[in-house]
Amino acid sequence: MPELLRLLSLQDASTRMVMLSTASLAMAAALVGSLAMLRRRALAGDAVAHASLPGICLAWFVAGDRSLAVLLLGALVLGLASMATMALVQRWPKAREDATTAIAISGFFGLGIVLSRVIQNQPGGNRAGLDGFLFGKAATIVSTDAWLVLGVAVAVAATVLALRKEFGLLCFDRDFAAGIGRPVHRLDAILLVLVALVTVAGLPSVGVVLVVALLVIPPAAARCWSGSLRTMLAVAAVIGAASAVIGTGLSAVLPPPGGAVGGGWPTGPMIVLTAAALFVVSLAVAPERGVLVALWRHHRLRATVPPGHGSTR
């Protein structure tokens, strides 16, 4: 209990920094993910995340050290390259979007695994810390890395809020937006770049495998509460931030698994599990699309219908 109270009071500087960076990242991911989900581009972040691994490896080859800014820049370049590849494949051979996404995910990720093995076999390659980008190591982020992630998250969130109306037109009625002169192609490109930025920024916290969860789960949970874009964005941001804060707190205060000495529960997976739990709660009790609310309304409707009403006999 004293440890939990100390955590909630945010007396520990490293805990404050981790919570601040993960909460801001989760909020930005929830905002961008809401637009991507409405635009039916929810898996774009998954493709960027898996394509970022070879980018991190190539950046390590060029820089020769574990500078987070350089590694994330390499991840961003390869992530954007994967999006460009998917766009070309969809336009040229007229391939389906789900097929091109699967090809990009598997192809780039396979390349990343091969390059990471090459790095580990080199002298000093084990100190590169590339394995941390697979599942994330939020608890080990230093202050300079956390400020970098925080800056990216704030810039992404500010862009989404500034272009909220334009993005709303793009997501709900693209043809109407084009008809009234909105630059729909440019807005589409901006949205994909924002997805790439928030995906790459989330790699140190939750890793390649789980970063897409921050883009999908909070918006899906928020969709259960409201169909309004403004409300959905607000609820998704709250759910994302709550997932980050609660997940980070649980990873810090829960006893180590199996009674192990040292270490603890991984922060990134705990954040994702918290987001999944909030989604289940939203799916059950949300007034708009909650399962329990729908069952209750159905029961009330059946109770108001007289027995035998509507019978054809």
C-alpha atoms as a PDB file:
ATOM      1  CA  MET A   1       0.000   0.000   0.000  1.00  0.00           C
ATOM      2  CA  PRO A   2       2.735   2.585   0.756  1.00  0.00           C
ATOM      3  CA  GLU A   3       4.304   1.858  -2.623  1.00  0.00           C
ATOM      4  CA  LEU A   4       0.954   2.339  -4.360  1.00  0.00           C
ATOM      5  CA  LEU A   5       0.343   5.647  -2.546  1.00  0.00           C
ATOM      6  CA  ARG A   6       3.836   6.828  -3.456  1.00  0.00           C
ATOM      7  CA  LEU A   7       3.182   5.936  -7.100  1.00  0.00           C
ATOM      8  CA  LEU A   8      -0.168   7.715  -7.197  1.00  0.00           C
ATOM      9  CA  SER A   9       1.391  10.821  -5.670  1.00  0.00           C
ATOM     10  CA  LEU A  10       3.998  10.740  -8.478  1.00  0.00           C
ATOM     11  CA  GLN A  11       6.904  11.305  -6.112  1.00  0.00           C
ATOM     12  CA  ASP A  12       9.281   9.214  -8.229  1.00  0.00           C
ATOM     13  CA  ALA A  13      10.781  11.242 -11.092  1.00  0.00           C
ATOM     14  CA  SER A  14      11.257   8.279 -13.439  1.00  0.00           C
ATOM     15  CA  THR A  15       7.669   7.126 -12.892  1.00  0.00           C
ATOM     16  CA  ARG A  16       6.396  10.633 -13.610  1.00  0.00           C
ATOM     17  CA  MET A  17       8.378  10.741 -16.854  1.00  0.00           C
ATOM     18  CA  VAL A  18       7.209   7.311 -18.014  1.00  0.00           C
ATOM     19  CA  MET A  19       3.571   8.086 -17.203  1.00  0.00           C
ATOM     20  CA  LEU A  20       3.746  11.472 -18.919  1.00  0.00           C
ATOM     21  CA  SER A  21       5.303  10.105 -22.098  1.00  0.00           C
ATOM     22  CA  THR A  22       3.070   7.004 -22.335  1.00  0.00           C
ATOM     23  CA  ALA A  23      -0.116   8.950 -21.531  1.00  0.00           C
ATOM     24  CA  SER A  24       0.600  11.645 -24.132  1.00  0.00           C
ATOM     25  CA  LEU A  25       1.542   8.987 -26.673  1.00  0.00           C
ATOM     26  CA  ALA A  26      -1.628   6.979 -25.993  1.00  0.00           C
ATOM     27  CA  MET A  27      -3.780  10.109 -26.344  1.00  0.00           C
ATOM     28  CA  ALA A  28      -2.174  11.032 -29.661  1.00  0.00           C
ATOM     29  CA  ALA A  29      -2.487   7.450 -30.903  1.00  0.00           C
ATOM     30  CA  ALA A  30      -6.161   7.391 -29.903  1.00  0.00           C
ATOM     31  CA  LEU A  31      -6.872  10.610 -31.798  1.00  0.00           C
ATOM     32  CA  VAL A  32      -5.078   9.490 -34.960  1.00  0.00           C
ATOM     33  CA  GLY A  33      -6.431   5.964 -34.647  1.00  0.00           C
ATOM     34  CA  SER A  34     -10.012   7.242 -34.475  1.00  0.00           C
ATOM     35  CA  LEU A  35      -9.607   8.995 -37.813  1.00  0.00           C
ATOM     36  CA  ALA A  36      -7.774   6.044 -39.331  1.00  0.00           C
ATOM     37  CA  MET A  37     -10.504   3.648 -38.194  1.00  0.00           C
ATOM     38  CA  LEU A  38     -13.254   5.836 -39.653  1.00  0.00           C
ATOM     39  CA  ARG A  39     -11.206   6.111 -42.857  1.00  0.00           C
ATOM     40  CA  ARG A  40     -10.818   2.296 -42.840  1.00  0.00           C
ATOM     41  CA  ARG A  41      -7.057   2.576 -42.495  1.00  0.00           C
ATOM     42  CA  ALA A  42      -6.813   0.957 -39.063  1.00  0.00           C
ATOM     43  CA  LEU A  43      -4.132  -1.529 -40.130  1.00  0.00           C
ATOM     44  CA  ALA A  44      -1.911   1.130 -41.676  1.00  0.00           C
ATOM     45  CA  GLY A  45      -0.187   1.500 -38.321  1.00  0.00           C
ATOM     46  CA  ASP A  46       0.432  -2.245 -38.207  1.00  0.00           C
ATOM     47  CA  ALA A  47       2.210  -2.092 -41.559  1.00  0.00           C
ATOM     48  CA  VAL A  48       4.287   0.894 -40.445  1.00  0.00           C
ATOM     49  CA  ALA A  49       5.184  -0.787 -37.150  1.00  0.00           C
ATOM     50  CA  HIS A  50       6.460  -3.959 -38.806  1.00  0.00           C
ATOM     51  CA  ALA A  51       8.263  -1.983 -41.510  1.00  0.00           C
ATOM     52  CA  SER A  52       9.985   0.116 -38.858  1.00  0.00           C
ATOM     53  CA  LEU A  53      12.119  -2.799 -37.639  1.00  0.00           C
ATOM     54  CA  PRO A  54      14.360  -2.906 -40.749  1.00  0.00           C
ATOM     55  CA  GLY A  55      14.491   0.887 -40.606  1.00  0.00           C
ATOM     56  CA  ILE A  56      15.824   0.725 -37.045  1.00  0.00           C
ATOM     57  CA  CYS A  57      18.405  -1.847 -38.100  1.00  0.00           C
ATOM     58  CA  LEU A  58      19.554   0.186 -41.102  1.00  0.00           C
ATOM     59  CA  ALA A  59      19.788   3.295 -38.934  1.00  0.00           C
ATOM     60  CA  TRP A  60      21.980   1.360 -36.498  1.00  0.00           C
ATOM     61  CA  PHE A  61      24.248   0.331 -39.367  1.00  0.00           C
ATOM     62  CA  VAL A  62      24.591   3.972 -40.409  1.00  0.00           C
ATOM     63  CA  ALA A  63      24.903   5.592 -36.976  1.00  0.00           C
ATOM     64  CA  GLY A  64      26.657   2.755 -35.164  1.00  0.00           C
ATOM     65  CA  ASP A  65      25.089   3.586 -31.810  1.00  0.00           C
ATOM     66  CA  ARG A  66      21.744   3.442 -30.008  1.00  0.00           C
ATOM     67  CA  SER A  67      20.615   7.039 -30.467  1.00  0.00           C
ATOM     68  CA  LEU A  68      16.833   6.950 -30.173  1.00  0.00           C
ATOM     69  CA  ALA A  69      16.353   9.934 -32.486  1.00  0.00           C
ATOM     70  CA  VAL A  70      18.428   8.301 -35.238  1.00  0.00           C
ATOM     71  CA  LEU A  71      16.752   4.911 -34.808  1.00  0.00           C
ATOM     72  CA  LEU A  72      13.258   6.422 -34.900  1.00  0.00           C
ATOM     73  CA  LEU A  73      14.187   8.444 -37.976  1.00  0.00           C
ATOM     74  CA  GLY A  74      15.196   5.222 -39.725  1.00  0.00           C
ATOM     75  CA  ALA A  75      11.961   3.604 -38.594  1.00  0.00           C
ATOM     76  CA  LEU A  76       9.952   6.537 -39.958  1.00  0.00           C
ATOM     77  CA  VAL A  77      11.684   6.421 -43.343  1.00  0.00           C
ATOM     78  CA  LEU A  78      11.009   2.699 -43.782  1.00  0.00           C
ATOM     79  CA  GLY A  79       7.473   3.100 -42.441  1.00  0.00           C
ATOM     80  CA  LEU A  80       6.686   5.737 -45.049  1.00  0.00           C
ATOM     81  CA  ALA A  81       8.375   3.540 -47.658  1.00  0.00           C
ATOM     82  CA  SER A  82       6.022   0.694 -46.747  1.00  0.00           C
ATOM     83  CA  MET A  83       3.013   2.991 -47.213  1.00  0.00           C
ATOM     84  CA  ALA A  84       4.326   4.122 -50.592  1.00  0.00           C
ATOM     85  CA  THR A  85       4.880   0.496 -51.590  1.00  0.00           C
ATOM     86  CA  MET A  86       1.322  -0.434 -50.646  1.00  0.00           C
ATOM     87  CA  ALA A  87      -0.056   2.530 -52.599  1.00  0.00           C
ATOM     88  CA  LEU A  88       1.916   1.592 -55.720  1.00  0.00           C
ATOM     89  CA  VAL A  89       0.910  -2.061 -55.542  1.00  0.00           C
ATOM     90  CA  GLN A  90      -2.752  -1.145 -55.087  1.00  0.00           C
ATOM     91  CA  ARG A  91      -2.701   1.258 -58.019  1.00  0.00           C
ATOM     92  CA  TRP A  92      -0.557  -0.670 -60.497  1.00  0.00           C
ATOM     93  CA  PRO A  93      -1.631  -4.345 -60.454  1.00  0.00           C
ATOM     94  CA  LYS A  94      -4.978  -3.400 -58.839  1.00  0.00           C
ATOM     95  CA  ALA A  95      -4.333  -5.611 -55.818  1.00  0.00           C
ATOM     96  CA  ARG A  96      -6.688  -5.654 -52.842  1.00  0.00           C
ATOM     97  CA  GLU A  97      -5.821  -3.409 -49.914  1.00  0.00           C
ATOM     98  CA  ASP A  98      -5.846  -6.240 -47.358  1.00  0.00           C
ATOM     99  CA  ALA A  99      -3.494  -8.300 -49.543  1.00  0.00           C
ATOM    100  CA  THR A 100      -1.004  -5.457 -49.989  1.00  0.00           C
ATOM    101  CA  THR A 101      -1.088  -4.727 -46.248  1.00  0.00           C
ATOM    102  CA  ALA A 102      -0.341  -8.366 -45.441  1.00  0.00           C
ATOM    103  CA  ILE A 103       2.501  -8.432 -47.984  1.00  0.00           C
ATOM    104  CA  ALA A 104       4.035  -5.258 -46.538  1.00  0.00           C
ATOM    105  CA  ILE A 105       3.750  -6.505 -42.942  1.00  0.00           C
ATOM    106  CA  SER A 106       5.320  -9.896 -43.622  1.00  0.00           C
ATOM    107  CA  GLY A 107       7.935  -8.740 -46.123  1.00  0.00           C
ATOM    108  CA  PHE A 108       9.321  -5.777 -44.186  1.00  0.00           C
ATOM    109  CA  PHE A 109       9.144  -7.590 -40.840  1.00  0.00           C
ATOM    110  CA  GLY A 110      11.008 -10.571 -42.265  1.00  0.00           C
ATOM    111  CA  LEU A 111      13.695  -8.217 -43.536  1.00  0.00           C
ATOM    112  CA  GLY A 112      13.901  -6.638 -40.091  1.00  0.00           C
ATOM    113  CA  ILE A 113      14.369  -9.995 -38.355  1.00  0.00           C
ATOM    114  CA  VAL A 114      17.195 -10.896 -40.747  1.00  0.00           C
ATOM    115  CA  LEU A 115      18.942  -7.540 -40.254  1.00  0.00           C
ATOM    116  CA  SER A 116      18.585  -7.720 -36.463  1.00  0.00           C
ATOM    117  CA  ARG A 117      20.220 -11.156 -36.511  1.00  0.00           C
ATOM    118  CA  VAL A 118      23.086  -9.754 -38.562  1.00  0.00           C
ATOM    119  CA  ILE A 119      23.543  -6.953 -36.015  1.00  0.00           C
ATOM    120  CA  GLN A 120      23.525  -9.345 -33.065  1.00  0.00           C
ATOM    121  CA  ASN A 121      26.216 -11.465 -34.692  1.00  0.00           C
ATOM    122  CA  GLN A 122      28.521  -8.468 -34.973  1.00  0.00           C
ATOM    123  CA  PRO A 123      30.898  -7.365 -32.169  1.00  0.00           C
ATOM    124  CA  GLY A 124      28.905  -5.246 -29.770  1.00  0.00           C
ATOM    125  CA  GLY A 125      25.645  -6.084 -31.514  1.00  0.00           C
ATOM    126  CA  ASN A 126      24.114  -7.504 -28.340  1.00  0.00           C
ATOM    127  CA  ARG A 127      24.352  -4.037 -26.786  1.00  0.00           C
ATOM    128  CA  ALA A 128      22.303  -2.463 -29.559  1.00  0.00           C
ATOM    129  CA  GLY A 129      19.109  -3.112 -27.601  1.00  0.00           C
ATOM    130  CA  LEU A 130      17.060  -3.823 -30.715  1.00  0.00           C
ATOM    131  CA  ASP A 131      15.038  -6.509 -28.932  1.00  0.00           C
ATOM    132  CA  GLY A 132      13.481  -3.763 -26.839  1.00  0.00           C
ATOM    133  CA  PHE A 133      11.748  -2.406 -29.918  1.00  0.00           C
ATOM    134  CA  LEU A 134       9.863  -5.683 -30.444  1.00  0.00           C
ATOM    135  CA  PHE A 135       7.868  -5.566 -27.203  1.00  0.00           C
ATOM    136  CA  GLY A 136       8.840  -2.174 -25.820  1.00  0.00           C
ATOM    137  CA  LYS A 137      10.663  -1.161 -22.645  1.00  0.00           C
ATOM    138  CA  ALA A 138       8.861   1.915 -21.386  1.00  0.00           C
ATOM    139  CA  ALA A 139      10.258   1.561 -17.876  1.00  0.00           C
ATOM    140  CA  THR A 140      13.835   1.968 -19.145  1.00  0.00           C
ATOM    141  CA  ILE A 141      13.254   5.153 -21.153  1.00  0.00           C
ATOM    142  CA  VAL A 142      15.586   7.965 -20.117  1.00  0.00           C
ATOM    143  CA  SER A 143      14.436  11.564 -19.813  1.00  0.00           C
ATOM    144  CA  THR A 144      15.820  12.706 -23.188  1.00  0.00           C
ATOM    145  CA  ASP A 145      14.040   9.862 -24.990  1.00  0.00           C
ATOM    146  CA  ALA A 146      10.825  10.566 -23.088  1.00  0.00           C
ATOM    147  CA  TRP A 147      10.893  14.243 -24.063  1.00  0.00           C
ATOM    148  CA  LEU A 148      11.380  13.243 -27.692  1.00  0.00           C
ATOM    149  CA  VAL A 149       8.343  10.941 -27.574  1.00  0.00           C
ATOM    150  CA  LEU A 150       6.342  13.619 -25.746  1.00  0.00           C
ATOM    151  CA  GLY A 151       7.205  16.232 -28.374  1.00  0.00           C
ATOM    152  CA  VAL A 152       6.094  13.969 -31.227  1.00  0.00           C
ATOM    153  CA  ALA A 153       2.854  13.105 -29.425  1.00  0.00           C
ATOM    154  CA  VAL A 154       2.018  16.764 -28.769  1.00  0.00           C
ATOM    155  CA  ALA A 155       2.733  17.742 -32.385  1.00  0.00           C
ATOM    156  CA  VAL A 156       0.561  14.907 -33.715  1.00  0.00           C
ATOM    157  CA  ALA A 157      -2.328  15.693 -31.351  1.00  0.00           C
ATOM    158  CA  ALA A 158      -2.167  19.408 -32.198  1.00  0.00           C
ATOM    159  CA  THR A 159      -2.319  18.648 -35.929  1.00  0.00           C
ATOM    160  CA  VAL A 160      -5.341  16.368 -35.493  1.00  0.00           C
ATOM    161  CA  LEU A 161      -7.217  18.957 -33.446  1.00  0.00           C
ATOM    162  CA  ALA A 162      -6.351  21.782 -35.866  1.00  0.00           C
ATOM    163  CA  LEU A 163      -7.626  19.802 -38.877  1.00  0.00           C
ATOM    164  CA  ARG A 164     -10.493  18.058 -37.092  1.00  0.00           C
ATOM    165  CA  LYS A 165     -13.239  19.439 -39.349  1.00  0.00           C
ATOM    166  CA  GLU A 166     -11.358  18.662 -42.545  1.00  0.00           C
ATOM    167  CA  PHE A 167     -10.554  15.150 -41.344  1.00  0.00           C
ATOM    168  CA  GLY A 168     -14.213  14.693 -40.388  1.00  0.00           C
ATOM    169  CA  LEU A 169     -15.319  15.493 -43.936  1.00  0.00           C
ATOM    170  CA  LEU A 170     -12.649  13.158 -45.302  1.00  0.00           C
ATOM    171  CA  CYS A 171     -13.715  10.255 -43.078  1.00  0.00           C
ATOM    172  CA  PHE A 172     -17.488  10.540 -43.397  1.00  0.00           C
ATOM    173  CA  ASP A 173     -17.973  11.813 -46.976  1.00  0.00           C
ATOM    174  CA  ARG A 174     -14.840  11.976 -49.089  1.00  0.00           C
ATOM    175  CA  ASP A 175     -16.719  12.750 -52.306  1.00  0.00           C
ATOM    176  CA  PHE A 176     -18.521  15.696 -50.710  1.00  0.00           C
ATOM    177  CA  ALA A 177     -15.230  17.005 -49.328  1.00  0.00           C
ATOM    178  CA  ALA A 178     -13.683  16.839 -52.786  1.00  0.00           C
ATOM    179  CA  GLY A 179     -16.759  18.509 -54.287  1.00  0.00           C
ATOM    180  CA  ILE A 180     -16.462  21.561 -52.044  1.00  0.00           C
ATOM    181  CA  GLY A 181     -12.782  21.966 -52.816  1.00  0.00           C
ATOM    182  CA  ARG A 182     -11.106  20.266 -49.889  1.00  0.00           C
ATOM    183  CA  PRO A 183      -7.669  18.782 -50.757  1.00  0.00           C
ATOM    184  CA  VAL A 184      -8.675  15.187 -50.024  1.00  0.00           C
ATOM    185  CA  HIS A 185      -5.486  13.632 -51.413  1.00  0.00           C
ATOM    186  CA  ARG A 186      -3.359  15.927 -49.291  1.00  0.00           C
ATOM    187  CA  LEU A 187      -5.486  15.238 -46.211  1.00  0.00           C
ATOM    188  CA  ASP A 188      -5.163  11.498 -46.836  1.00  0.00           C
ATOM    189  CA  ALA A 189      -1.393  11.864 -47.051  1.00  0.00           C
ATOM    190  CA  ILE A 190      -1.281  13.933 -43.842  1.00  0.00           C
ATOM    191  CA  LEU A 191      -3.357  11.339 -42.005  1.00  0.00           C
ATOM    192  CA  LEU A 192      -1.041   8.531 -43.091  1.00  0.00           C
ATOM    193  CA  VAL A 193       2.024  10.542 -42.055  1.00  0.00           C
ATOM    194  CA  LEU A 194       0.443  11.147 -38.635  1.00  0.00           C
ATOM    195  CA  VAL A 195      -0.217   7.422 -38.309  1.00  0.00           C
ATOM    196  CA  ALA A 196       3.418   6.746 -39.165  1.00  0.00           C
ATOM    197  CA  LEU A 197       4.692   9.345 -36.683  1.00  0.00           C
ATOM    198  CA  VAL A 198       2.652   8.129 -33.729  1.00  0.00           C
ATOM    199  CA  THR A 199       3.429   4.505 -34.581  1.00  0.00           C
ATOM    200  CA  VAL A 200       7.162   5.125 -34.666  1.00  0.00           C
ATOM    201  CA  ALA A 201       7.001   7.210 -31.471  1.00  0.00           C
ATOM    202  CA  GLY A 202       5.289   4.323 -29.705  1.00  0.00           C
ATOM    203  CA  LEU A 203       8.005   1.773 -30.471  1.00  0.00           C
ATOM    204  CA  PRO A 204      10.113   2.450 -27.350  1.00  0.00           C
ATOM    205  CA  SER A 205       7.049   2.123 -25.104  1.00  0.00           C
ATOM    206  CA  VAL A 206       5.030  -0.813 -26.455  1.00  0.00           C
ATOM    207  CA  GLY A 207       7.150  -2.118 -29.337  1.00  0.00           C
ATOM    208  CA  VAL A 208       6.511  -3.240 -32.891  1.00  0.00           C
ATOM    209  CA  VAL A 209       4.117  -6.019 -31.940  1.00  0.00           C
ATOM    210  CA  LEU A 210       1.776  -4.034 -29.675  1.00  0.00           C
ATOM    211  CA  VAL A 211       1.897  -0.439 -30.915  1.00  0.00           C
ATOM    212  CA  VAL A 212      -1.045  -0.992 -33.249  1.00  0.00           C
ATOM    213  CA  ALA A 213      -3.177  -1.723 -30.163  1.00  0.00           C
ATOM    214  CA  LEU A 214      -2.910   1.929 -29.106  1.00  0.00           C
ATOM    215  CA  LEU A 215      -4.208   2.953 -32.539  1.00  0.00           C
ATOM    216  CA  VAL A 216      -7.153   0.539 -32.584  1.00  0.00           C
ATOM    217  CA  ILE A 217      -8.410  -0.361 -29.092  1.00  0.00           C
ATOM    218  CA  PRO A 218      -9.171   3.107 -27.611  1.00  0.00           C
ATOM    219  CA  PRO A 219     -11.004   4.291 -30.773  1.00  0.00           C
ATOM    220  CA  ALA A 220     -12.975   1.026 -30.909  1.00  0.00           C
ATOM    221  CA  ALA A 221     -13.953   1.482 -27.269  1.00  0.00           C
ATOM    222  CA  ALA A 222     -14.889   5.127 -27.850  1.00  0.00           C
ATOM    223  CA  ARG A 223     -17.043   4.137 -30.819  1.00  0.00           C
ATOM    224  CA  CYS A 224     -19.228   2.185 -28.394  1.00  0.00           C
ATOM    225  CA  TRP A 225     -20.002   5.368 -26.452  1.00  0.00           C
ATOM    226  CA  SER A 226     -20.863   7.806 -29.240  1.00  0.00           C
ATOM    227  CA  GLY A 227     -21.193   8.205 -32.999  1.00  0.00           C
ATOM    228  CA  SER A 228     -20.236  11.884 -32.890  1.00  0.00           C
ATOM    229  CA  LEU A 229     -16.694  12.571 -34.073  1.00  0.00           C
ATOM    230  CA  ARG A 230     -16.025  15.203 -31.418  1.00  0.00           C
ATOM    231  CA  THR A 231     -17.246  12.966 -28.600  1.00  0.00           C
ATOM    232  CA  MET A 232     -15.476   9.943 -30.036  1.00  0.00           C
ATOM    233  CA  LEU A 233     -12.155  11.797 -30.155  1.00  0.00           C
ATOM    234  CA  ALA A 234     -12.543  12.992 -26.572  1.00  0.00           C
ATOM    235  CA  VAL A 235     -13.549   9.581 -25.212  1.00  0.00           C
ATOM    236  CA  ALA A 236     -10.792   7.817 -27.155  1.00  0.00           C
ATOM    237  CA  ALA A 237      -8.196  10.234 -25.769  1.00  0.00           C
ATOM    238  CA  VAL A 238      -9.434   9.671 -22.211  1.00  0.00           C
ATOM    239  CA  ILE A 239      -9.409   5.886 -22.634  1.00  0.00           C
ATOM    240  CA  GLY A 240      -5.929   5.990 -24.149  1.00  0.00           C
ATOM    241  CA  ALA A 241      -4.527   8.146 -21.356  1.00  0.00           C
ATOM    242  CA  ALA A 242      -6.243   6.057 -18.678  1.00  0.00           C
ATOM    243  CA  SER A 243      -4.829   2.874 -20.209  1.00  0.00           C
ATOM    244  CA  ALA A 244      -1.315   4.307 -20.128  1.00  0.00           C
ATOM    245  CA  VAL A 245      -1.528   5.610 -16.567  1.00  0.00           C
ATOM    246  CA  ILE A 246      -3.204   2.507 -15.120  1.00  0.00           C
ATOM    247  CA  GLY A 247      -1.022   0.091 -17.084  1.00  0.00           C
ATOM    248  CA  THR A 248       2.172   1.896 -16.070  1.00  0.00           C
ATOM    249  CA  GLY A 249       1.026   1.971 -12.453  1.00  0.00           C
ATOM    250  CA  LEU A 250       0.154  -1.718 -12.404  1.00  0.00           C
ATOM    251  CA  SER A 251       3.499  -2.688 -13.915  1.00  0.00           C
ATOM    252  CA  ALA A 252       5.242  -0.728 -11.156  1.00  0.00           C
ATOM    253  CA  VAL A 253       3.291  -1.916  -8.105  1.00  0.00           C
ATOM    254  CA  LEU A 254       2.409  -5.521  -8.922  1.00  0.00           C
ATOM    255  CA  PRO A 255       4.788  -8.114  -7.492  1.00  0.00           C
ATOM    256  CA  PRO A 256       7.156  -9.744 -10.014  1.00  0.00           C
ATOM    257  CA  PRO A 257       5.649 -12.748 -11.822  1.00  0.00           C
ATOM    258  CA  GLY A 258       6.448 -16.088 -10.251  1.00  0.00           C
ATOM    259  CA  GLY A 259       8.044 -14.469  -7.237  1.00  0.00           C
ATOM    260  CA  ALA A 260      11.143 -13.566  -9.236  1.00  0.00           C
ATOM    261  CA  VAL A 261      13.676 -11.229  -7.680  1.00  0.00           C
ATOM    262  CA  GLY A 262      14.059  -7.985  -9.581  1.00  0.00           C
ATOM    263  CA  GLY A 263      12.232  -6.901 -12.696  1.00  0.00           C
ATOM    264  CA  GLY A 264       8.474  -6.783 -12.864  1.00  0.00           C
ATOM    265  CA  TRP A 265       5.565  -6.838 -15.213  1.00  0.00           C
ATOM    266  CA  PRO A 266       6.326  -5.356 -18.656  1.00  0.00           C
ATOM    267  CA  THR A 267       4.902  -1.867 -19.027  1.00  0.00           C
ATOM    268  CA  GLY A 268       3.850  -2.016 -22.694  1.00  0.00           C
ATOM    269  CA  PRO A 269       1.811  -5.233 -22.448  1.00  0.00           C
ATOM    270  CA  MET A 270       0.189  -3.996 -19.222  1.00  0.00           C
ATOM    271  CA  ILE A 271      -0.920  -0.819 -21.024  1.00  0.00           C
ATOM    272  CA  VAL A 272      -2.398  -2.871 -23.853  1.00  0.00           C
ATOM    273  CA  LEU A 273      -4.160  -5.246 -21.456  1.00  0.00           C
ATOM    274  CA  THR A 274      -5.633  -2.272 -19.604  1.00  0.00           C
ATOM    275  CA  ALA A 275      -6.891  -0.813 -22.880  1.00  0.00           C
ATOM    276  CA  ALA A 276      -8.419  -4.179 -23.787  1.00  0.00           C
ATOM    277  CA  ALA A 277     -10.166  -4.339 -20.399  1.00  0.00           C
ATOM    278  CA  LEU A 278     -11.592  -0.851 -20.915  1.00  0.00           C
ATOM    279  CA  PHE A 279     -12.812  -1.929 -24.340  1.00  0.00           C
ATOM    280  CA  VAL A 280     -14.627  -4.914 -22.810  1.00  0.00           C
ATOM    281  CA  VAL A 281     -16.254  -2.603 -20.246  1.00  0.00           C
ATOM    282  CA  SER A 282     -17.282  -0.182 -22.997  1.00  0.00           C
ATOM    283  CA  LEU A 283     -18.659  -3.003 -25.110  1.00  0.00           C
ATOM    284  CA  ALA A 284     -20.747  -4.156 -22.168  1.00  0.00           C
ATOM    285  CA  VAL A 285     -22.145  -0.957 -20.618  1.00  0.00           C
ATOM    286  CA  ALA A 286     -21.819   1.854 -23.184  1.00  0.00           C
ATOM    287  CA  PRO A 287     -25.212   3.534 -23.751  1.00  0.00           C
ATOM    288  CA  GLU A 288     -24.847   3.730 -27.533  1.00  0.00           C
ATOM    289  CA  ARG A 289     -23.730   0.195 -28.461  1.00  0.00           C
ATOM    290  CA  GLY A 290     -23.322  -1.637 -25.169  1.00  0.00           C
ATOM    291  CA  VAL A 291     -24.349  -5.306 -25.157  1.00  0.00           C
ATOM    292  CA  LEU A 292     -25.962  -5.203 -21.712  1.00  0.00           C
ATOM    293  CA  VAL A 293     -27.838  -2.008 -22.573  1.00  0.00           C
ATOM    294  CA  ALA A 294     -29.075  -3.564 -25.818  1.00  0.00           C
ATOM    295  CA  LEU A 295     -30.271  -6.655 -23.938  1.00  0.00           C
ATOM    296  CA  TRP A 296     -32.041  -4.500 -21.376  1.00  0.00           C
ATOM    297  CA  ARG A 297     -33.785  -2.492 -24.115  1.00  0.00           C
ATOM    298  CA  HIS A 298     -34.814  -5.708 -25.843  1.00  0.00           C
ATOM    299  CA  HIS A 299     -36.225  -7.025 -22.566  1.00  0.00           C
ATOM    300  CA  ARG A 300     -38.126  -3.786 -21.967  1.00  0.00           C
ATOM    301  CA  LEU A 301     -39.539  -3.905 -25.504  1.00  0.00           C
ATOM    302  CA  ARG A 302     -40.720  -7.491 -25.083  1.00  0.00           C
ATOM    303  CA  ALA A 303     -42.300  -6.566 -21.760  1.00  0.00           C
ATOM    304  CA  THR A 304     -44.351  -3.783 -23.385  1.00  0.00           C
ATOM    305  CA  VAL A 305     -45.629  -5.999 -26.230  1.00  0.00           C
ATOM    306  CA  PRO A 306     -48.890  -7.760 -25.286  1.00  0.00           C
ATOM    307  CA  PRO A 307     -48.827 -11.580 -25.396  1.00  0.00           C
ATOM    308  CA  GLY A 308     -49.766 -12.916 -28.811  1.00  0.00           C
ATOM    309  CA  HIS A 309     -49.348  -9.545 -30.499  1.00  0.00           C
ATOM    310  CA  GLY A 310     -48.191  -9.905 -34.065  1.00  0.00           C
ATOM    311  CA  SER A 311     -49.173 -13.585 -34.259  1.00  0.00           C
ATOM    312  CA  THR A 312     -50.306 -14.765 -37.709  1.00  0.00           C
ATOM    313  CA  ARG A 313     -52.548 -17.482 -36.315  1.00  0.00           C
END
